[in-house]
Amino acid sequence: MSMQVYGDNAMKKTAVYKWVKRFTEGRESVTDEERSGRPATSRTEENIAKVRQIVRENRRLTVRSIAEQVNIDRETVRKILTEDLDMRKVCAKMVPKEFTEEQKQSY
């Protein structure tokens, strides 16, 4: 019935059973409980500062190499660069539109 009404947004049966069990055992809240461990995002002030320092030292680094140095995922690094540090990628090397035969050999 719920699949007909809610489609793909319907809760899966396994999730329903899990919540029924939790409430049967005495749970009263549907909000997430506090968990230990790593925060949900790596986009912290500390990581933003690290990325800023790395880019100041070498503007030619790839997002991948920055992510490896800071030990966070590439998408987070990309968001830090574009949204937090207001940076954009610019071509690092200018090359002629049309190459001569000699230029083709050197590139």
PDB file of N, CA and C in Angstrom:
ATOM      1  N   MET A   1       0.829  -1.203   0.000  1.00  0.00           N
ATOM      2  CA  MET A   1       0.000   0.000   0.000  1.00  0.00           C
ATOM      3  C   MET A   1       0.867   1.258   0.000  1.00  0.00           C
ATOM      4  N   SER A   2       1.883   1.331   0.899  1.00  0.00           N
ATOM      5  CA  SER A   2       2.688   2.549   0.982  1.00  0.00           C
ATOM      6  C   SER A   2       3.502   2.782  -0.291  1.00  0.00           C
ATOM      7  N   MET A   3       3.911   1.691  -0.990  1.00  0.00           N
ATOM      8  CA  MET A   3       4.650   1.856  -2.236  1.00  0.00           C
ATOM      9  C   MET A   3       3.780   2.529  -3.291  1.00  0.00           C
ATOM     10  N   GLN A   4       2.480   2.224  -3.291  1.00  0.00           N
ATOM     11  CA  GLN A   4       1.566   2.832  -4.257  1.00  0.00           C
ATOM     12  C   GLN A   4       1.403   4.320  -3.970  1.00  0.00           C
ATOM     13  N   VAL A   5       1.385   4.682  -2.700  1.00  0.00           N
ATOM     14  CA  VAL A   5       1.175   6.076  -2.311  1.00  0.00           C
ATOM     15  C   VAL A   5       2.472   6.876  -2.401  1.00  0.00           C
ATOM     16  N   TYR A   6       3.579   6.322  -1.850  1.00  0.00           N
ATOM     17  CA  TYR A   6       4.829   7.067  -1.747  1.00  0.00           C
ATOM     18  C   TYR A   6       5.841   6.734  -2.834  1.00  0.00           C
ATOM     19  N   GLY A   7       5.652   5.677  -3.598  1.00  0.00           N
ATOM     20  CA  GLY A   7       6.589   5.311  -4.660  1.00  0.00           C
ATOM     21  C   GLY A   7       7.966   4.997  -4.105  1.00  0.00           C
ATOM     22  N   ASP A   8       8.996   5.544  -4.749  1.00  0.00           N
ATOM     23  CA  ASP A   8      10.385   5.288  -4.340  1.00  0.00           C
ATOM     24  C   ASP A   8      10.729   5.916  -2.992  1.00  0.00           C
ATOM     25  N   ASN A   9       9.901   6.842  -2.506  1.00  0.00           N
ATOM     26  CA  ASN A   9      10.172   7.493  -1.222  1.00  0.00           C
ATOM     27  C   ASN A   9       9.665   6.681  -0.033  1.00  0.00           C
ATOM     28  N   ALA A  10       9.037   5.560  -0.286  1.00  0.00           N
ATOM     29  CA  ALA A  10       8.520   4.722   0.798  1.00  0.00           C
ATOM     30  C   ALA A  10       9.679   4.086   1.564  1.00  0.00           C
ATOM     31  N   MET A  11       9.513   3.959   2.875  1.00  0.00           N
ATOM     32  CA  MET A  11      10.521   3.312   3.710  1.00  0.00           C
ATOM     33  C   MET A  11      10.544   1.815   3.402  1.00  0.00           C
ATOM     34  N   LYS A  12      11.720   1.246   3.328  1.00  0.00           N
ATOM     35  CA  LYS A  12      11.852  -0.186   3.045  1.00  0.00           C
ATOM     36  C   LYS A  12      11.322  -0.992   4.227  1.00  0.00           C
ATOM     37  N   LYS A  13      10.842  -2.207   3.948  1.00  0.00           N
ATOM     38  CA  LYS A  13      10.275  -3.058   4.993  1.00  0.00           C
ATOM     39  C   LYS A  13      11.269  -3.320   6.113  1.00  0.00           C
ATOM     40  N   THR A  14      12.534  -3.543   5.759  1.00  0.00           N
ATOM     41  CA  THR A  14      13.547  -3.824   6.798  1.00  0.00           C
ATOM     42  C   THR A  14      13.696  -2.650   7.755  1.00  0.00           C
ATOM     43  N   ALA A  15      13.620  -1.426   7.207  1.00  0.00           N
ATOM     44  CA  ALA A  15      13.723  -0.237   8.055  1.00  0.00           C
ATOM     45  C   ALA A  15      12.501  -0.127   8.971  1.00  0.00           C
ATOM     46  N   VAL A  16      11.337  -0.444   8.443  1.00  0.00           N
ATOM     47  CA  VAL A  16      10.113  -0.411   9.247  1.00  0.00           C
ATOM     48  C   VAL A  16      10.237  -1.394  10.409  1.00  0.00           C
ATOM     49  N   TYR A  17      10.685  -2.629  10.108  1.00  0.00           N
ATOM     50  CA  TYR A  17      10.853  -3.640  11.163  1.00  0.00           C
ATOM     51  C   TYR A  17      11.858  -3.185  12.220  1.00  0.00           C
ATOM     52  N   LYS A  18      12.942  -2.528  11.764  1.00  0.00           N
ATOM     53  CA  LYS A  18      13.957  -2.054  12.706  1.00  0.00           C
ATOM     54  C   LYS A  18      13.370  -0.999  13.649  1.00  0.00           C
ATOM     55  N   TRP A  19      12.575  -0.055  13.104  1.00  0.00           N
ATOM     56  CA  TRP A  19      11.976   0.991  13.928  1.00  0.00           C
ATOM     57  C   TRP A  19      10.901   0.426  14.859  1.00  0.00           C
ATOM     58  N   VAL A  20      10.120  -0.533  14.374  1.00  0.00           N
ATOM     59  CA  VAL A  20       9.112  -1.172  15.237  1.00  0.00           C
ATOM     60  C   VAL A  20       9.810  -1.820  16.424  1.00  0.00           C
ATOM     61  N   LYS A  21      10.905  -2.518  16.155  1.00  0.00           N
ATOM     62  CA  LYS A  21      11.669  -3.172  17.231  1.00  0.00           C
ATOM     63  C   LYS A  21      12.180  -2.133  18.232  1.00  0.00           C
ATOM     64  N   ARG A  22      12.725  -1.016  17.733  1.00  0.00           N
ATOM     65  CA  ARG A  22      13.252   0.033  18.625  1.00  0.00           C
ATOM     66  C   ARG A  22      12.153   0.593  19.531  1.00  0.00           C
ATOM     67  N   PHE A  23      11.001   0.891  18.957  1.00  0.00           N
ATOM     68  CA  PHE A  23       9.907   1.449  19.756  1.00  0.00           C
ATOM     69  C   PHE A  23       9.341   0.413  20.720  1.00  0.00           C
ATOM     70  N   THR A  24       9.312  -0.842  20.324  1.00  0.00           N
ATOM     71  CA  THR A  24       8.860  -1.917  21.203  1.00  0.00           C
ATOM     72  C   THR A  24       9.783  -2.043  22.410  1.00  0.00           C
ATOM     73  N   GLU A  25      11.074  -1.783  22.184  1.00  0.00           N
ATOM     74  CA  GLU A  25      12.062  -1.872  23.272  1.00  0.00           C
ATOM     75  C   GLU A  25      12.081  -0.614  24.139  1.00  0.00           C
ATOM     76  N   GLY A  26      11.228   0.368  23.842  1.00  0.00           N
ATOM     77  CA  GLY A  26      11.112   1.525  24.724  1.00  0.00           C
ATOM     78  C   GLY A  26      11.564   2.846  24.139  1.00  0.00           C
ATOM     79  N   ARG A  27      12.079   2.852  22.934  1.00  0.00           N
ATOM     80  CA  ARG A  27      12.511   4.116  22.335  1.00  0.00           C
ATOM     81  C   ARG A  27      11.303   5.022  22.130  1.00  0.00           C
ATOM     82  N   GLU A  28      11.488   6.349  22.358  1.00  0.00           N
ATOM     83  CA  GLU A  28      10.392   7.280  22.213  1.00  0.00           C
ATOM     84  C   GLU A  28      10.652   8.372  21.175  1.00  0.00           C
ATOM     85  N   SER A  29      11.918   8.518  20.758  1.00  0.00           N
ATOM     86  CA  SER A  29      12.273   9.602  19.841  1.00  0.00           C
ATOM     87  C   SER A  29      12.667   9.059  18.471  1.00  0.00           C
ATOM     88  N   VAL A  30      12.368   9.831  17.423  1.00  0.00           N
ATOM     89  CA  VAL A  30      12.771   9.437  16.075  1.00  0.00           C
ATOM     90  C   VAL A  30      14.034  10.165  15.618  1.00  0.00           C
ATOM     91  N   THR A  31      14.539  11.086  16.456  1.00  0.00           N
ATOM     92  CA  THR A  31      15.758  11.812  16.079  1.00  0.00           C
ATOM     93  C   THR A  31      16.980  10.946  16.348  1.00  0.00           C
ATOM     94  N   ASP A  32      18.043  11.194  15.583  1.00  0.00           N
ATOM     95  CA  ASP A  32      19.284  10.432  15.744  1.00  0.00           C
ATOM     96  C   ASP A  32      19.895  10.680  17.114  1.00  0.00           C
ATOM     97  N   GLU A  33      20.475   9.622  17.674  1.00  0.00           N
ATOM     98  CA  GLU A  33      21.187   9.758  18.938  1.00  0.00           C
ATOM     99  C   GLU A  33      22.615  10.179  18.644  1.00  0.00           C
ATOM    100  N   GLU A  34      23.274  10.783  19.642  1.00  0.00           N
ATOM    101  CA  GLU A  34      24.671  11.190  19.484  1.00  0.00           C
ATOM    102  C   GLU A  34      25.522   9.962  19.234  1.00  0.00           C
ATOM    103  N   ARG A  35      26.489  10.116  18.324  1.00  0.00           N
ATOM    104  CA  ARG A  35      27.405   9.013  18.029  1.00  0.00           C
ATOM    105  C   ARG A  35      28.826   9.498  18.169  1.00  0.00           C
ATOM    106  N   SER A  36      29.696   8.571  18.536  1.00  0.00           N
ATOM    107  CA  SER A  36      31.109   8.933  18.609  1.00  0.00           C
ATOM    108  C   SER A  36      31.713   8.750  17.224  1.00  0.00           C
ATOM    109  N   GLY A  37      32.913   9.225  17.052  1.00  0.00           N
ATOM    110  CA  GLY A  37      33.601   9.040  15.780  1.00  0.00           C
ATOM    111  C   GLY A  37      33.751  10.331  15.013  1.00  0.00           C
ATOM    112  N   ARG A  38      34.137  10.172  13.778  1.00  0.00           N
ATOM    113  CA  ARG A  38      34.426  11.289  12.903  1.00  0.00           C
ATOM    114  C   ARG A  38      33.163  12.106  12.626  1.00  0.00           C
ATOM    115  N   PRO A  39      33.285  13.439  12.567  1.00  0.00           N
ATOM    116  CA  PRO A  39      32.106  14.252  12.255  1.00  0.00           C
ATOM    117  C   PRO A  39      31.598  13.955  10.850  1.00  0.00           C
ATOM    118  N   ALA A  40      30.357  14.303  10.585  1.00  0.00           N
ATOM    119  CA  ALA A  40      29.727  13.994   9.312  1.00  0.00           C
ATOM    120  C   ALA A  40      30.428  14.679   8.142  1.00  0.00           C
ATOM    121  N   THR A  41      31.116  15.767   8.389  1.00  0.00           N
ATOM    122  CA  THR A  41      31.791  16.480   7.307  1.00  0.00           C
ATOM    123  C   THR A  41      33.255  16.719   7.650  1.00  0.00           C
ATOM    124  N   SER A  42      34.072  16.735   6.618  1.00  0.00           N
ATOM    125  CA  SER A  42      35.494  17.031   6.793  1.00  0.00           C
ATOM    126  C   SER A  42      35.773  18.488   6.477  1.00  0.00           C
ATOM    127  N   ARG A  43      34.713  19.231   6.220  1.00  0.00           N
ATOM    128  CA  ARG A  43      34.853  20.637   5.848  1.00  0.00           C
ATOM    129  C   ARG A  43      34.901  21.504   7.102  1.00  0.00           C
ATOM    130  N   THR A  44      35.962  21.306   7.871  1.00  0.00           N
ATOM    131  CA  THR A  44      36.140  22.030   9.129  1.00  0.00           C
ATOM    132  C   THR A  44      37.051  23.231   8.907  1.00  0.00           C
ATOM    133  N   GLU A  45      37.055  24.145   9.851  1.00  0.00           N
ATOM    134  CA  GLU A  45      37.936  25.316   9.769  1.00  0.00           C
ATOM    135  C   GLU A  45      39.398  24.877   9.685  1.00  0.00           C
ATOM    136  N   GLU A  46      39.728  23.827  10.423  1.00  0.00           N
ATOM    137  CA  GLU A  46      41.107  23.317  10.417  1.00  0.00           C
ATOM    138  C   GLU A  46      41.502  22.817   9.020  1.00  0.00           C
ATOM    139  N   ASN A  47      40.618  22.056   8.376  1.00  0.00           N
ATOM    140  CA  ASN A  47      40.924  21.541   7.042  1.00  0.00           C
ATOM    141  C   ASN A  47      40.934  22.651   5.994  1.00  0.00           C
ATOM    142  N   ILE A  48      40.069  23.638   6.152  1.00  0.00           N
ATOM    143  CA  ILE A  48      40.063  24.785   5.244  1.00  0.00           C
ATOM    144  C   ILE A  48      41.403  25.515   5.343  1.00  0.00           C
ATOM    145  N   ALA A  49      41.894  25.690   6.563  1.00  0.00           N
ATOM    146  CA  ALA A  49      43.190  26.350   6.762  1.00  0.00           C
ATOM    147  C   ALA A  49      44.325  25.528   6.151  1.00  0.00           C
ATOM    148  N   LYS A  50      44.264  24.209   6.296  1.00  0.00           N
ATOM    149  CA  LYS A  50      45.300  23.343   5.715  1.00  0.00           C
ATOM    150  C   LYS A  50      45.317  23.455   4.197  1.00  0.00           C
ATOM    151  N   VAL A  51      44.125  23.399   3.584  1.00  0.00           N
ATOM    152  CA  VAL A  51      44.036  23.497   2.129  1.00  0.00           C
ATOM    153  C   VAL A  51      44.551  24.855   1.667  1.00  0.00           C
ATOM    154  N   ARG A  52      44.167  25.922   2.373  1.00  0.00           N
ATOM    155  CA  ARG A  52      44.630  27.275   2.025  1.00  0.00           C
ATOM    156  C   ARG A  52      46.151  27.340   2.029  1.00  0.00           C
ATOM    157  N   GLN A  53      46.781  26.776   3.060  1.00  0.00           N
ATOM    158  CA  GLN A  53      48.239  26.798   3.174  1.00  0.00           C
ATOM    159  C   GLN A  53      48.898  25.988   2.051  1.00  0.00           C
ATOM    160  N   ILE A  54      48.353  24.823   1.751  1.00  0.00           N
ATOM    161  CA  ILE A  54      48.906  23.968   0.692  1.00  0.00           C
ATOM    162  C   ILE A  54      48.841  24.677  -0.655  1.00  0.00           C
ATOM    163  N   VAL A  55      47.716  25.331  -0.939  1.00  0.00           N
ATOM    164  CA  VAL A  55      47.555  26.029  -2.217  1.00  0.00           C
ATOM    165  C   VAL A  55      48.468  27.244  -2.289  1.00  0.00           C
ATOM    166  N   ARG A  56      48.668  27.932  -1.181  1.00  0.00           N
ATOM    167  CA  ARG A  56      49.589  29.077  -1.180  1.00  0.00           C
ATOM    168  C   ARG A  56      51.008  28.646  -1.523  1.00  0.00           C
ATOM    169  N   GLU A  57      51.389  27.461  -1.051  1.00  0.00           N
ATOM    170  CA  GLU A  57      52.745  26.965  -1.301  1.00  0.00           C
ATOM    171  C   GLU A  57      52.925  26.462  -2.726  1.00  0.00           C
ATOM    172  N   ASN A  58      51.864  25.916  -3.329  1.00  0.00           N
ATOM    173  CA  ASN A  58      51.971  25.394  -4.689  1.00  0.00           C
ATOM    174  C   ASN A  58      50.602  25.424  -5.350  1.00  0.00           C
ATOM    175  N   ARG A  59      50.392  26.361  -6.243  1.00  0.00           N
ATOM    176  CA  ARG A  59      49.091  26.529  -6.901  1.00  0.00           C
ATOM    177  C   ARG A  59      48.847  25.525  -8.030  1.00  0.00           C
ATOM    178  N   ARG A  60      49.825  24.703  -8.352  1.00  0.00           N
ATOM    179  CA  ARG A  60      49.680  23.754  -9.461  1.00  0.00           C
ATOM    180  C   ARG A  60      49.284  22.354  -9.006  1.00  0.00           C
ATOM    181  N   LEU A  61      49.009  22.183  -7.733  1.00  0.00           N
ATOM    182  CA  LEU A  61      48.635  20.851  -7.240  1.00  0.00           C
ATOM    183  C   LEU A  61      47.247  20.458  -7.729  1.00  0.00           C
ATOM    184  N   THR A  62      47.040  19.172  -7.867  1.00  0.00           N
ATOM    185  CA  THR A  62      45.717  18.673  -8.248  1.00  0.00           C
ATOM    186  C   THR A  62      44.851  18.539  -7.000  1.00  0.00           C
ATOM    187  N   VAL A  63      43.540  18.482  -7.220  1.00  0.00           N
ATOM    188  CA  VAL A  63      42.603  18.261  -6.118  1.00  0.00           C
ATOM    189  C   VAL A  63      42.936  16.933  -5.444  1.00  0.00           C
ATOM    190  N   ARG A  64      43.288  15.926  -6.245  1.00  0.00           N
ATOM    191  CA  ARG A  64      43.632  14.609  -5.703  1.00  0.00           C
ATOM    192  C   ARG A  64      44.824  14.691  -4.743  1.00  0.00           C
ATOM    193  N   SER A  65      45.875  15.405  -5.147  1.00  0.00           N
ATOM    194  CA  SER A  65      47.053  15.468  -4.274  1.00  0.00           C
ATOM    195  C   SER A  65      46.773  16.261  -2.998  1.00  0.00           C
ATOM    196  N   ILE A  66      45.957  17.301  -3.099  1.00  0.00           N
ATOM    197  CA  ILE A  66      45.573  18.056  -1.898  1.00  0.00           C
ATOM    198  C   ILE A  66      44.767  17.151  -0.966  1.00  0.00           C
ATOM    199  N   ALA A  67      43.824  16.393  -1.538  1.00  0.00           N
ATOM    200  CA  ALA A  67      42.995  15.482  -0.743  1.00  0.00           C
ATOM    201  C   ALA A  67      43.859  14.456  -0.014  1.00  0.00           C
ATOM    202  N   GLU A  68      44.871  13.943  -0.687  1.00  0.00           N
ATOM    203  CA  GLU A  68      45.765  12.968  -0.052  1.00  0.00           C
ATOM    204  C   GLU A  68      46.570  13.605   1.073  1.00  0.00           C
ATOM    205  N   GLN A  69      47.034  14.832   0.876  1.00  0.00           N
ATOM    206  CA  GLN A  69      47.823  15.507   1.913  1.00  0.00           C
ATOM    207  C   GLN A  69      47.000  15.806   3.163  1.00  0.00           C
ATOM    208  N   VAL A  70      45.750  16.216   2.963  1.00  0.00           N
ATOM    209  CA  VAL A  70      44.895  16.596   4.094  1.00  0.00           C
ATOM    210  C   VAL A  70      44.132  15.380   4.642  1.00  0.00           C
ATOM    211  N   ASN A  71      44.100  14.313   3.840  1.00  0.00           N
ATOM    212  CA  ASN A  71      43.404  13.073   4.196  1.00  0.00           C
ATOM    213  C   ASN A  71      41.884  13.255   4.279  1.00  0.00           C
ATOM    214  N   ILE A  72      41.350  13.929   3.253  1.00  0.00           N
ATOM    215  CA  ILE A  72      39.911  14.078   3.104  1.00  0.00           C
ATOM    216  C   ILE A  72      39.553  13.765   1.651  1.00  0.00           C
ATOM    217  N   ASP A  73      38.259  13.592   1.356  1.00  0.00           N
ATOM    218  CA  ASP A  73      37.875  13.207   0.005  1.00  0.00           C
ATOM    219  C   ASP A  73      37.978  14.379  -0.970  1.00  0.00           C
ATOM    220  N   ARG A  74      38.081  14.046  -2.255  1.00  0.00           N
ATOM    221  CA  ARG A  74      38.290  15.060  -3.300  1.00  0.00           C
ATOM    222  C   ARG A  74      37.121  16.036  -3.415  1.00  0.00           C
ATOM    223  N   GLU A  75      35.899  15.552  -3.256  1.00  0.00           N
ATOM    224  CA  GLU A  75      34.742  16.438  -3.365  1.00  0.00           C
ATOM    225  C   GLU A  75      34.760  17.509  -2.273  1.00  0.00           C
ATOM    226  N   THR A  76      35.182  17.132  -1.072  1.00  0.00           N
ATOM    227  CA  THR A  76      35.288  18.109   0.018  1.00  0.00           C
ATOM    228  C   THR A  76      36.360  19.141  -0.299  1.00  0.00           C
ATOM    229  N   VAL A  77      37.496  18.686  -0.841  1.00  0.00           N
ATOM    230  CA  VAL A  77      38.565  19.621  -1.236  1.00  0.00           C
ATOM    231  C   VAL A  77      38.039  20.574  -2.307  1.00  0.00           C
ATOM    232  N   ARG A  78      37.308  20.036  -3.290  1.00  0.00           N
ATOM    233  CA  ARG A  78      36.767  20.875  -4.351  1.00  0.00           C
ATOM    234  C   ARG A  78      35.822  21.943  -3.786  1.00  0.00           C
ATOM    235  N   LYS A  79      34.978  21.546  -2.830  1.00  0.00           N
ATOM    236  CA  LYS A  79      34.063  22.512  -2.208  1.00  0.00           C
ATOM    237  C   LYS A  79      34.818  23.551  -1.397  1.00  0.00           C
ATOM    238  N   ILE A  80      35.849  23.129  -0.677  1.00  0.00           N
ATOM    239  CA  ILE A  80      36.667  24.078   0.091  1.00  0.00           C
ATOM    240  C   ILE A  80      37.298  25.094  -0.850  1.00  0.00           C
ATOM    241  N   LEU A  81      37.873  24.613  -1.942  1.00  0.00           N
ATOM    242  CA  LEU A  81      38.531  25.515  -2.891  1.00  0.00           C
ATOM    243  C   LEU A  81      37.547  26.494  -3.524  1.00  0.00           C
ATOM    244  N   THR A  82      36.407  25.989  -3.977  1.00  0.00           N
ATOM    245  CA  THR A  82      35.478  26.847  -4.719  1.00  0.00           C
ATOM    246  C   THR A  82      34.552  27.663  -3.826  1.00  0.00           C
ATOM    247  N   GLU A  83      34.037  27.058  -2.764  1.00  0.00           N
ATOM    248  CA  GLU A  83      33.040  27.742  -1.936  1.00  0.00           C
ATOM    249  C   GLU A  83      33.647  28.492  -0.748  1.00  0.00           C
ATOM    250  N   ASP A  84      34.617  27.867  -0.078  1.00  0.00           N
ATOM    251  CA  ASP A  84      35.192  28.513   1.112  1.00  0.00           C
ATOM    252  C   ASP A  84      36.324  29.477   0.762  1.00  0.00           C
ATOM    253  N   LEU A  85      37.162  29.087  -0.191  1.00  0.00           N
ATOM    254  CA  LEU A  85      38.318  29.915  -0.544  1.00  0.00           C
ATOM    255  C   LEU A  85      38.077  30.731  -1.812  1.00  0.00           C
ATOM    256  N   ASP A  86      36.904  30.575  -2.417  1.00  0.00           N
ATOM    257  CA  ASP A  86      36.504  31.348  -3.596  1.00  0.00           C
ATOM    258  C   ASP A  86      37.558  31.298  -4.700  1.00  0.00           C
ATOM    259  N   MET A  87      38.011  30.084  -5.027  1.00  0.00           N
ATOM    260  CA  MET A  87      39.015  29.895  -6.071  1.00  0.00           C
ATOM    261  C   MET A  87      38.387  29.183  -7.252  1.00  0.00           C
ATOM    262  N   ARG A  88      39.034  29.305  -8.398  1.00  0.00           N
ATOM    263  CA  ARG A  88      38.607  28.562  -9.570  1.00  0.00           C
ATOM    264  C   ARG A  88      39.834  28.094 -10.329  1.00  0.00           C
ATOM    265  N   LYS A  89      39.638  27.060 -11.126  1.00  0.00           N
ATOM    266  CA  LYS A  89      40.748  26.499 -11.874  1.00  0.00           C
ATOM    267  C   LYS A  89      40.963  27.321 -13.134  1.00  0.00           C
ATOM    268  N   VAL A  90      42.221  27.647 -13.387  1.00  0.00           N
ATOM    269  CA  VAL A  90      42.594  28.384 -14.579  1.00  0.00           C
ATOM    270  C   VAL A  90      43.675  27.570 -15.286  1.00  0.00           C
ATOM    271  N   CYS A  91      43.659  27.612 -16.587  1.00  0.00           N
ATOM    272  CA  CYS A  91      44.639  26.851 -17.369  1.00  0.00           C
ATOM    273  C   CYS A  91      46.059  27.183 -16.923  1.00  0.00           C
ATOM    274  N   ALA A  92      46.843  26.144 -16.662  1.00  0.00           N
ATOM    275  CA  ALA A  92      48.194  26.333 -16.142  1.00  0.00           C
ATOM    276  C   ALA A  92      49.202  26.589 -17.246  1.00  0.00           C
ATOM    277  N   LYS A  93      48.865  26.240 -18.479  1.00  0.00           N
ATOM    278  CA  LYS A  93      49.837  26.377 -19.562  1.00  0.00           C
ATOM    279  C   LYS A  93      49.137  26.840 -20.825  1.00  0.00           C
ATOM    280  N   MET A  94      49.625  27.911 -21.404  1.00  0.00           N
ATOM    281  CA  MET A  94      49.054  28.412 -22.648  1.00  0.00           C
ATOM    282  C   MET A  94      49.764  27.739 -23.813  1.00  0.00           C
ATOM    283  N   VAL A  95      48.991  27.251 -24.759  1.00  0.00           N
ATOM    284  CA  VAL A  95      49.566  26.607 -25.942  1.00  0.00           C
ATOM    285  C   VAL A  95      48.914  27.202 -27.188  1.00  0.00           C
ATOM    286  N   PRO A  96      49.623  27.177 -28.320  1.00  0.00           N
ATOM    287  CA  PRO A  96      49.048  27.723 -29.551  1.00  0.00           C
ATOM    288  C   PRO A  96      47.803  26.960 -29.976  1.00  0.00           C
ATOM    289  N   LYS A  97      46.867  27.673 -30.592  1.00  0.00           N
ATOM    290  CA  LYS A  97      45.647  27.032 -31.075  1.00  0.00           C
ATOM    291  C   LYS A  97      45.975  26.018 -32.166  1.00  0.00           C
ATOM    292  N   GLU A  98      46.847  26.421 -33.072  1.00  0.00           N
ATOM    293  CA  GLU A  98      47.251  25.529 -34.150  1.00  0.00           C
ATOM    294  C   GLU A  98      48.744  25.278 -34.040  1.00  0.00           C
ATOM    295  N   PHE A  99      49.132  24.034 -34.155  1.00  0.00           N
ATOM    296  CA  PHE A  99      50.524  23.652 -34.009  1.00  0.00           C
ATOM    297  C   PHE A  99      51.198  23.487 -35.368  1.00  0.00           C
ATOM    298  N   THR A 100      52.463  23.883 -35.432  1.00  0.00           N
ATOM    299  CA  THR A 100      53.274  23.526 -36.588  1.00  0.00           C
ATOM    300  C   THR A 100      53.744  22.095 -36.368  1.00  0.00           C
ATOM    301  N   GLU A 101      54.302  21.472 -37.382  1.00  0.00           N
ATOM    302  CA  GLU A 101      54.791  20.096 -37.244  1.00  0.00           C
ATOM    303  C   GLU A 101      55.858  20.014 -36.155  1.00  0.00           C
ATOM    304  N   GLU A 102      56.706  21.007 -36.073  1.00  0.00           N
ATOM    305  CA  GLU A 102      57.772  21.054 -35.051  1.00  0.00           C
ATOM    306  C   GLU A 102      57.172  21.146 -33.640  1.00  0.00           C
ATOM    307  N   GLN A 103      56.131  21.983 -33.490  1.00  0.00           N
ATOM    308  CA  GLN A 103      55.490  22.145 -32.188  1.00  0.00           C
ATOM    309  C   GLN A 103      54.787  20.850 -31.764  1.00  0.00           C
ATOM    310  N   LYS A 104      54.179  20.146 -32.703  1.00  0.00           N
ATOM    311  CA  LYS A 104      53.518  18.879 -32.388  1.00  0.00           C
ATOM    312  C   LYS A 104      54.487  17.892 -31.769  1.00  0.00           C
ATOM    313  N   GLN A 105      55.720  17.885 -32.273  1.00  0.00           N
ATOM    314  CA  GLN A 105      56.739  16.969 -31.769  1.00  0.00           C
ATOM    315  C   GLN A 105      57.173  17.358 -30.349  1.00  0.00           C
ATOM    316  N   SER A 106      57.163  18.659 -30.032  1.00  0.00           N
ATOM    317  CA  SER A 106      57.657  19.094 -28.710  1.00  0.00           C
ATOM    318  C   SER A 106      56.625  18.991 -27.599  1.00  0.00           C
ATOM    319  N   TYR A 107      55.328  18.866 -27.947  1.00  0.00           N
ATOM    320  CA  TYR A 107      54.283  18.781 -26.919  1.00  0.00           C
ATOM    321  C   TYR A 107      53.916  17.378 -26.614  1.00  0.00           C
TER     322      TYR A 107
END
